[in-house]
C-alpha atoms as a PDB file:
ATOM      1  CA  ASP A   1       9.284 -26.184   4.352  1.00  0.00           C
ATOM      2  CA  TRP A   2       5.844 -24.752   4.775  1.00  0.00           C
ATOM      3  CA  MET A   3       4.799 -27.259   7.445  1.00  0.00           C
ATOM      4  CA  ALA A   4       3.618 -26.151  10.912  1.00  0.00           C
ATOM      5  CA  ARG A   5       6.069 -26.282  13.806  1.00  0.00           C
ATOM      6  CA  VAL A   6       5.481 -27.127  17.453  1.00  0.00           C
ATOM      7  CA  VAL A   7       7.307 -24.788  19.792  1.00  0.00           C
ATOM      8  CA  ASP A   8       6.847 -25.273  23.511  1.00  0.00           C
ATOM      9  CA  GLY A   9       3.778 -27.228  22.904  1.00  0.00           C
ATOM     10  CA  LEU A  10       2.212 -24.599  20.633  1.00  0.00           C
ATOM     11  CA  GLU A  11       1.647 -25.083  16.969  1.00  0.00           C
ATOM     12  CA  VAL A  12       3.377 -22.228  14.972  1.00  0.00           C
ATOM     13  CA  ASP A  13       2.761 -21.916  11.320  1.00  0.00           C
ATOM     14  CA  ILE A  14       5.326 -19.478   9.946  1.00  0.00           C
ATOM     15  CA  GLU A  15       3.650 -19.370   6.566  1.00  0.00           C
ATOM     16  CA  GLU A  16       0.076 -18.881   7.832  1.00  0.00           C
ATOM     17  CA  PRO A  17      -1.725 -16.128   5.913  1.00  0.00           C
ATOM     18  CA  ASP A  18      -2.328 -12.900   7.881  1.00  0.00           C
ATOM     19  CA  MET A  19      -4.489  -9.857   7.100  1.00  0.00           C
ATOM     20  CA  TYR A  20      -1.821  -7.191   7.706  1.00  0.00           C
ATOM     21  CA  ILE A  21      -0.416  -6.893   4.123  1.00  0.00           C
ATOM     22  CA  PRO A  22      -3.783  -7.398   2.407  1.00  0.00           C
ATOM     23  CA  THR A  23      -5.409  -4.703   4.560  1.00  0.00           C
ATOM     24  CA  MET A  24      -2.551  -2.194   4.029  1.00  0.00           C
ATOM     25  CA  GLY A  25      -2.555  -3.086   0.315  1.00  0.00           C
ATOM     26  CA  PHE A  26      -6.342  -2.590   0.136  1.00  0.00           C
ATOM     27  CA  ILE A  27      -6.142   0.845   1.821  1.00  0.00           C
ATOM     28  CA  THR A  28      -3.331   1.908  -0.485  1.00  0.00           C
ATOM     29  CA  TYR A  29      -5.190   0.597  -3.545  1.00  0.00           C
ATOM     30  CA  VAL A  30      -8.417   2.658  -2.562  1.00  0.00           C
ATOM     31  CA  VAL A  31      -6.358   5.872  -2.065  1.00  0.00           C
ATOM     32  CA  LEU A  32      -4.515   5.412  -5.377  1.00  0.00           C
ATOM     33  CA  CYS A  33      -7.663   4.690  -7.262  1.00  0.00           C
ATOM     34  CA  GLY A  34      -9.131   7.950  -5.803  1.00  0.00           C
ATOM     35  CA  LEU A  35      -6.114   9.753  -7.020  1.00  0.00           C
ATOM     36  CA  VAL A  36      -6.563   8.422 -10.517  1.00  0.00           C
ATOM     37  CA  ARG A  37     -10.196   9.476 -10.455  1.00  0.00           C
ATOM     38  CA  GLY A  38      -8.975  12.927  -9.397  1.00  0.00           C
ATOM     39  CA  LEU A  39      -6.743  13.008 -12.463  1.00  0.00           C
ATOM     40  CA  LYS A  40      -9.893  12.616 -14.483  1.00  0.00           C
ATOM     41  CA  ASP A  41     -11.446  15.585 -12.557  1.00  0.00           C
ATOM     42  CA  ASN A  42     -14.045  13.139 -11.285  1.00  0.00           C
ATOM     43  CA  PHE A  43     -13.438  13.089  -7.560  1.00  0.00           C
ATOM     44  CA  ASN A  44     -16.334  13.694  -5.118  1.00  0.00           C
ATOM     45  CA  SER A  45     -17.464  12.474  -1.693  1.00  0.00           C
ATOM     46  CA  ASP A  46     -18.878   9.174  -3.025  1.00  0.00           C
ATOM     47  CA  VAL A  47     -15.839   8.095  -4.994  1.00  0.00           C
ATOM     48  CA  LEU A  48     -14.002   6.325  -2.155  1.00  0.00           C
ATOM     49  CA  SER A  49     -17.059   4.493  -0.906  1.00  0.00           C
ATOM     50  CA  SER A  50     -17.844   3.231  -4.356  1.00  0.00           C
ATOM     51  CA  ILE A  51     -14.296   2.045  -4.850  1.00  0.00           C
ATOM     52  CA  ILE A  52     -14.313   0.266  -1.502  1.00  0.00           C
ATOM     53  CA  THR A  53     -17.667  -1.382  -2.267  1.00  0.00           C
ATOM     54  CA  PHE A  54     -16.667  -2.504  -5.777  1.00  0.00           C
ATOM     55  CA  ALA A  55     -13.354  -3.998  -4.536  1.00  0.00           C
ATOM     56  CA  LEU A  56     -14.937  -5.793  -1.637  1.00  0.00           C
ATOM     57  CA  VAL A  57     -17.739  -7.320  -3.800  1.00  0.00           C
ATOM     58  CA  CYS A  58     -15.075  -8.503  -6.267  1.00  0.00           C
ATOM     59  CA  LEU A  59     -13.036 -10.050  -3.418  1.00  0.00           C
ATOM     60  CA  VAL A  60     -16.105 -11.881  -2.006  1.00  0.00           C
ATOM     61  CA  ILE A  61     -17.059 -13.271  -5.386  1.00  0.00           C
ATOM     62  CA  GLU A  62     -13.588 -14.378  -6.071  1.00  0.00           C
ATOM     63  CA  THR A  63     -13.346 -16.009  -2.735  1.00  0.00           C
ATOM     64  CA  VAL A  64     -16.579 -17.900  -3.281  1.00  0.00           C
ATOM     65  CA  VAL A  65     -15.422 -19.125  -6.788  1.00  0.00           C
ATOM     66  CA  VAL A  66     -12.015 -20.166  -5.551  1.00  0.00           C
ATOM     67  CA  LYS A  67     -13.502 -21.876  -2.512  1.00  0.00           C
ATOM     68  CA  ALA A  68     -15.904 -23.837  -4.714  1.00  0.00           C
ATOM     69  CA  ALA A  69     -13.164 -24.753  -7.071  1.00  0.00           C
ATOM     70  CA  LEU A  70     -10.917 -26.128  -4.348  1.00  0.00           C
ATOM     71  CA  PHE A  71     -13.830 -27.978  -2.725  1.00  0.00           C
ATOM     72  CA  THR A  72     -14.529 -29.787  -5.999  1.00  0.00           C
ATOM     73  CA  ALA A  73     -10.799 -30.637  -6.170  1.00  0.00           C
ATOM     74  CA  GLY A  74     -10.822 -32.317  -2.841  1.00  0.00           C
ATOM     75  CA  ALA A  75      -9.773 -29.511  -0.538  1.00  0.00           C
ATOM     76  CA  VAL A  76     -13.139 -29.545   1.379  1.00  0.00           C
ATOM     77  CA  ASN A  77     -11.652 -28.044   4.631  1.00  0.00           C
ATOM     78  CA  THR A  78     -10.010 -24.987   3.130  1.00  0.00           C
ATOM     79  CA  PRO A  79     -10.475 -22.051   5.714  1.00  0.00           C
ATOM     80  CA  THR A  80     -12.489 -19.279   4.059  1.00  0.00           C
ATOM     81  CA  VAL A  81     -10.618 -16.490   6.054  1.00  0.00           C
ATOM     82  CA  ASP A  82      -7.246 -17.892   5.138  1.00  0.00           C
ATOM     83  CA  LEU A  83      -8.295 -18.034   1.455  1.00  0.00           C
ATOM     84  CA  MET A  84      -9.610 -14.487   1.534  1.00  0.00           C
ATOM     85  CA  SER A  85      -6.303 -13.358   3.027  1.00  0.00           C
ATOM     86  CA  LEU A  86      -4.344 -15.049   0.275  1.00  0.00           C
ATOM     87  CA  LEU A  87      -6.517 -13.493  -2.448  1.00  0.00           C
ATOM     88  CA  GLY A  88      -6.230 -10.139  -0.689  1.00  0.00           C
ATOM     89  CA  TYR A  89      -2.465 -10.001  -1.395  1.00  0.00           C
ATOM     90  CA  LYS A  90      -3.234  -8.936  -4.898  1.00  0.00           C
ATOM     91  CA  PHE A  91      -4.054  -5.408  -3.706  1.00  0.00           C
ATOM     92  CA  PHE A  92      -0.350  -5.003  -2.864  1.00  0.00           C
ATOM     93  CA  TYR A  93       0.486  -5.838  -6.484  1.00  0.00           C
ATOM     94  CA  LEU A  94      -2.324  -3.622  -7.807  1.00  0.00           C
ATOM     95  CA  SER A  95      -0.963  -0.768  -5.746  1.00  0.00           C
ATOM     96  CA  LEU A  96       2.453  -1.144  -7.185  1.00  0.00           C
ATOM     97  CA  HIS A  97       0.934  -1.318 -10.599  1.00  0.00           C
ATOM     98  CA  ILE A  98      -0.913   1.965 -10.146  1.00  0.00           C
ATOM     99  CA  ILE A  99       2.193   3.635  -8.630  1.00  0.00           C
ATOM    100  CA  PHE A 100       4.250   2.733 -11.624  1.00  0.00           C
ATOM    101  CA  GLY A 101       1.511   3.965 -13.933  1.00  0.00           C
ATOM    102  CA  LEU A 102       1.412   7.265 -12.116  1.00  0.00           C
ATOM    103  CA  LEU A 103       5.132   7.671 -12.264  1.00  0.00           C
ATOM    104  CA  LEU A 104       5.593   6.626 -15.884  1.00  0.00           C
ATOM    105  CA  GLY A 105       2.281   8.037 -17.209  1.00  0.00           C
ATOM    106  CA  ARG A 106       2.663  11.540 -15.628  1.00  0.00           C
ATOM    107  CA  GLY A 107      -1.087  12.183 -15.386  1.00  0.00           C
ATOM    108  CA  ARG A 108      -2.276  10.189 -18.340  1.00  0.00           C
ATOM    109  CA  LYS A 109      -2.611   6.513 -19.443  1.00  0.00           C
ATOM    110  CA  PRO A 110       0.756   4.826 -19.010  1.00  0.00           C
ATOM    111  CA  THR A 111       2.185   3.242 -22.130  1.00  0.00           C
ATOM    112  CA  GLY A 112       5.543   1.991 -23.285  1.00  0.00           C
ATOM    113  CA  PHE A 113       7.818  -1.001 -23.092  1.00  0.00           C
ATOM    114  CA  ILE A 114       9.051  -0.327 -19.520  1.00  0.00           C
ATOM    115  CA  PHE A 115       5.526  -0.054 -18.088  1.00  0.00           C
ATOM    116  CA  THR A 116       4.329  -3.181 -20.008  1.00  0.00           C
ATOM    117  CA  MET A 117       7.227  -5.185 -18.656  1.00  0.00           C
ATOM    118  CA  LEU A 118       6.680  -3.986 -15.058  1.00  0.00           C
ATOM    119  CA  ALA A 119       2.917  -4.777 -15.309  1.00  0.00           C
ATOM    120  CA  LEU A 120       3.678  -8.197 -16.742  1.00  0.00           C
ATOM    121  CA  ALA A 121       6.259  -8.937 -14.007  1.00  0.00           C
ATOM    122  CA  LEU A 122       3.808  -7.931 -11.287  1.00  0.00           C
ATOM    123  CA  ALA A 123       1.170 -10.159 -12.766  1.00  0.00           C
ATOM    124  CA  VAL A 124       3.469 -13.119 -12.922  1.00  0.00           C
ATOM    125  CA  CYS A 125       4.680 -12.593  -9.299  1.00  0.00           C
ATOM    126  CA  CYS A 126       1.071 -12.296  -8.100  1.00  0.00           C
ATOM    127  CA  GLY A 127       0.013 -15.424  -9.820  1.00  0.00           C
ATOM    128  CA  PHE A 128       3.076 -17.431  -8.819  1.00  0.00           C
ATOM    129  CA  ALA A 129       2.775 -16.406  -5.166  1.00  0.00           C
ATOM    130  CA  LEU A 130      -0.860 -17.586  -5.193  1.00  0.00           C
ATOM    131  CA  TRP A 131       0.054 -20.921  -6.866  1.00  0.00           C
ATOM    132  CA  GLN A 132       2.904 -21.544  -4.366  1.00  0.00           C
ATOM    133  CA  ALA A 133       0.565 -20.884  -1.436  1.00  0.00           C
ATOM    134  CA  LEU A 134      -2.175 -23.124  -2.783  1.00  0.00           C
ATOM    135  CA  ARG A 135       0.492 -25.783  -3.565  1.00  0.00           C
ATOM    136  CA  ARG A 136       2.325 -25.802  -0.281  1.00  0.00           C
ATOM    137  CA  LEU A 137      -0.014 -24.790   2.586  1.00  0.00           C
ATOM    138  CA  ALA A 138      -1.347 -27.902   4.232  1.00  0.00           C
ATOM    139  CA  ARG A 139      -4.810 -26.421   4.775  1.00  0.00           C
ATOM    140  CA  MET A 140      -5.227 -25.992   1.040  1.00  0.00           C
ATOM    141  CA  GLN A 141      -4.563 -29.636   0.164  1.00  0.00           C
ATOM    142  CA  PRO A 142      -7.056 -32.469  -0.439  1.00  0.00           C
ATOM    143  CA  SER A 143      -8.460 -33.801   2.707  1.00  0.00           C
ATOM    144  CA  HIS A 144      -8.092 -37.344   4.083  1.00  0.00           C
ATOM    145  CA  GLY A 145     -10.012 -39.663   1.949  1.00  0.00           C
ATOM    146  CA  GLN A 146      -9.774 -37.230  -1.010  1.00  0.00           C
ATOM    147  CA  GLU A 147      -6.319 -38.337  -2.197  1.00  0.00           C
ATOM    148  CA  CYS A 148      -7.794 -39.520  -5.454  1.00  0.00           C
ATOM    149  CA  MET A 149      -8.419 -35.859  -6.292  1.00  0.00           C
ATOM    150  CA  THR A 150      -4.716 -34.943  -6.317  1.00  0.00           C
ATOM    151  CA  ASP A 151      -4.356 -34.614 -10.050  1.00  0.00           C
ATOM    152  CA  MET A 152      -7.578 -32.478 -10.117  1.00  0.00           C
ATOM    153  CA  HIS A 153      -6.218 -30.292  -7.334  1.00  0.00           C
ATOM    154  CA  SER A 154      -2.916 -29.868  -9.234  1.00  0.00           C
ATOM    155  CA  ILE A 155      -4.801 -28.677 -12.339  1.00  0.00           C
ATOM    156  CA  THR A 156      -7.130 -26.452 -10.230  1.00  0.00           C
ATOM    157  CA  ILE A 157      -4.368 -24.485  -8.446  1.00  0.00           C
ATOM    158  CA  LYS A 158      -2.685 -23.789 -11.791  1.00  0.00           C
ATOM    159  CA  ALA A 159      -5.940 -22.375 -13.211  1.00  0.00           C
ATOM    160  CA  LEU A 160      -6.833 -20.200 -10.281  1.00  0.00           C
ATOM    161  CA  PRO A 161      -3.913 -17.684 -10.736  1.00  0.00           C
ATOM    162  CA  VAL A 162      -5.253 -17.128 -14.311  1.00  0.00           C
ATOM    163  CA  PHE A 163      -8.675 -16.354 -12.804  1.00  0.00           C
ATOM    164  CA  GLN A 164      -7.050 -13.967 -10.281  1.00  0.00           C
ATOM    165  CA  ALA A 165      -5.312 -12.143 -13.170  1.00  0.00           C
ATOM    166  CA  LEU A 166      -8.773 -11.511 -14.697  1.00  0.00           C
ATOM    167  CA  VAL A 167     -10.066 -10.173 -11.453  1.00  0.00           C
ATOM    168  CA  CYS A 168      -6.996  -7.885 -11.181  1.00  0.00           C
ATOM    169  CA  TRP A 169      -7.710  -6.584 -14.682  1.00  0.00           C
ATOM    170  CA  VAL A 170     -11.247  -5.750 -13.626  1.00  0.00           C
ATOM    171  CA  LEU A 171     -10.033  -3.928 -10.511  1.00  0.00           C
ATOM    172  CA  LEU A 172      -7.560  -1.640 -12.342  1.00  0.00           C
ATOM    173  CA  PRO A 173      -8.662   1.879 -12.672  1.00  0.00           C
ATOM    174  CA  THR A 174      -9.426   3.706 -15.969  1.00  0.00           C
ATOM    175  CA  TRP A 175      -6.598   6.072 -16.814  1.00  0.00           C
ATOM    176  CA  PRO A 176      -7.148   9.565 -18.305  1.00  0.00           C
ATOM    177  CA  ALA A 177      -6.700   9.382 -22.043  1.00  0.00           C
ATOM    178  CA  ALA A 178      -4.792  12.718 -22.311  1.00  0.00           C
ATOM    179  CA  ASP A 179      -2.959  15.195 -20.166  1.00  0.00           C
ATOM    180  CA  LEU A 180      -5.288  17.046 -17.758  1.00  0.00           C
ATOM    181  CA  VAL A 181      -3.534  18.690 -14.931  1.00  0.00           C
ATOM    182  CA  PRO A 182      -0.219  17.993 -12.991  1.00  0.00           C
ATOM    183  CA  VAL A 183      -0.442  15.095 -10.556  1.00  0.00           C
ATOM    184  CA  LEU A 184       0.623  17.234  -7.564  1.00  0.00           C
ATOM    185  CA  THR A 185      -2.146  19.828  -8.409  1.00  0.00           C
ATOM    186  CA  VAL A 186      -4.745  17.102  -8.522  1.00  0.00           C
ATOM    187  CA  LEU A 187      -3.448  15.448  -5.319  1.00  0.00           C
ATOM    188  CA  LYS A 188      -3.768  18.819  -3.485  1.00  0.00           C
ATOM    189  CA  ALA A 189      -7.289  19.344  -4.817  1.00  0.00           C
ATOM    190  CA  THR A 190      -8.273  15.883  -3.943  1.00  0.00           C
ATOM    191  CA  VAL A 191      -6.974  16.143  -0.417  1.00  0.00           C
ATOM    192  CA  THR A 192      -8.681  19.469   0.048  1.00  0.00           C
ATOM    193  CA  LYS A 193     -12.055  17.959  -1.173  1.00  0.00           C
ATOM    194  CA  ALA A 194     -11.638  15.052   1.170  1.00  0.00           C
ATOM    195  CA  ALA A 195     -10.781  17.266   4.101  1.00  0.00           C
ATOM    196  CA  THR A 196     -13.831  19.490   3.363  1.00  0.00           C
ATOM    197  CA  VAL A 197     -16.087  16.476   3.330  1.00  0.00           C
ATOM    198  CA  LEU A 198     -14.710  15.243   6.684  1.00  0.00           C
ATOM    199  CA  VAL A 199     -15.027  18.667   8.300  1.00  0.00           C
ATOM    200  CA  THR A 200     -18.622  19.066   7.033  1.00  0.00           C
ATOM    201  CA  THR A 201     -19.499  15.585   8.345  1.00  0.00           C
ATOM    202  CA  ALA A 202     -17.868  16.278  11.748  1.00  0.00           C
ATOM    203  CA  ALA A 203     -19.656  19.643  11.946  1.00  0.00           C
ATOM    204  CA  ALA A 204     -23.006  18.029  11.220  1.00  0.00           C
ATOM    205  CA  ALA A 205     -22.437  15.336  13.755  1.00  0.00           C
ATOM    206  CA  ALA A 206     -21.492  17.871  16.515  1.00  0.00           C
ATOM    207  CA  ALA A 207     -24.510  19.992  15.677  1.00  0.00           C
ATOM    208  CA  SER A 208     -26.895  16.944  15.876  1.00  0.00           C
ATOM    209  CA  SER A 209     -25.265  15.798  19.175  1.00  0.00           C
ATOM    210  CA  SER A 210     -25.810  19.318  20.716  1.00  0.00           C
ATOM    211  CA  VAL A 211     -29.515  19.325  20.093  1.00  0.00           C
ATOM    212  CA  PRO A 212     -31.324  18.163  23.345  1.00  0.00           C
ATOM    213  CA  GLY A 213     -33.411  15.050  23.050  1.00  0.00           C
ATOM    214  CA  ALA A 214     -37.139  15.234  23.013  1.00  0.00           C
ATOM    215  CA  ALA A 215     -38.750  14.884  26.426  1.00  0.00           C
END
């Protein structure tokens, strides 16, 4: 039962989307993508910002497309923030995908039956979770007066997980083609570079703040 409850006069929706898991998943995804870039010896101060920008642009475009699809299917009052939260849960599955790749690939492009099955299972779980949410959450259903769009809505919510799988594929990092350096060595070097960038930025900010303003 995914319907809202009323407790002490207040409406409580125990299945209401929240931003905690999507946010934590997003942060983990960015860090892991930076680590993969480090495995390719391609980490610099602009890597994390470029990963964040690309992921956010993909999320916004995906939200607009899904919002438009649900609107044409009769769900005209779908909350945009709730929808973005639901779509943001994919970063949790992407993070697991990258972690499995790092563990099984050992510093190179992961291959093999086990990794393929794990990746397929994560993709199915991600798509099924989105389909269940779009099917059960009251705010994602056709609005009053749009009941004639029920069949269209049913088809749409089955197609949207496929679209999300395509977005997930776009967001996956490019793995190194061959062994480069051990993962722990790269992780240490990546953390050192990131710390150097932070220290340099902090020192520059402190120096600029110590300069007296012009009279």
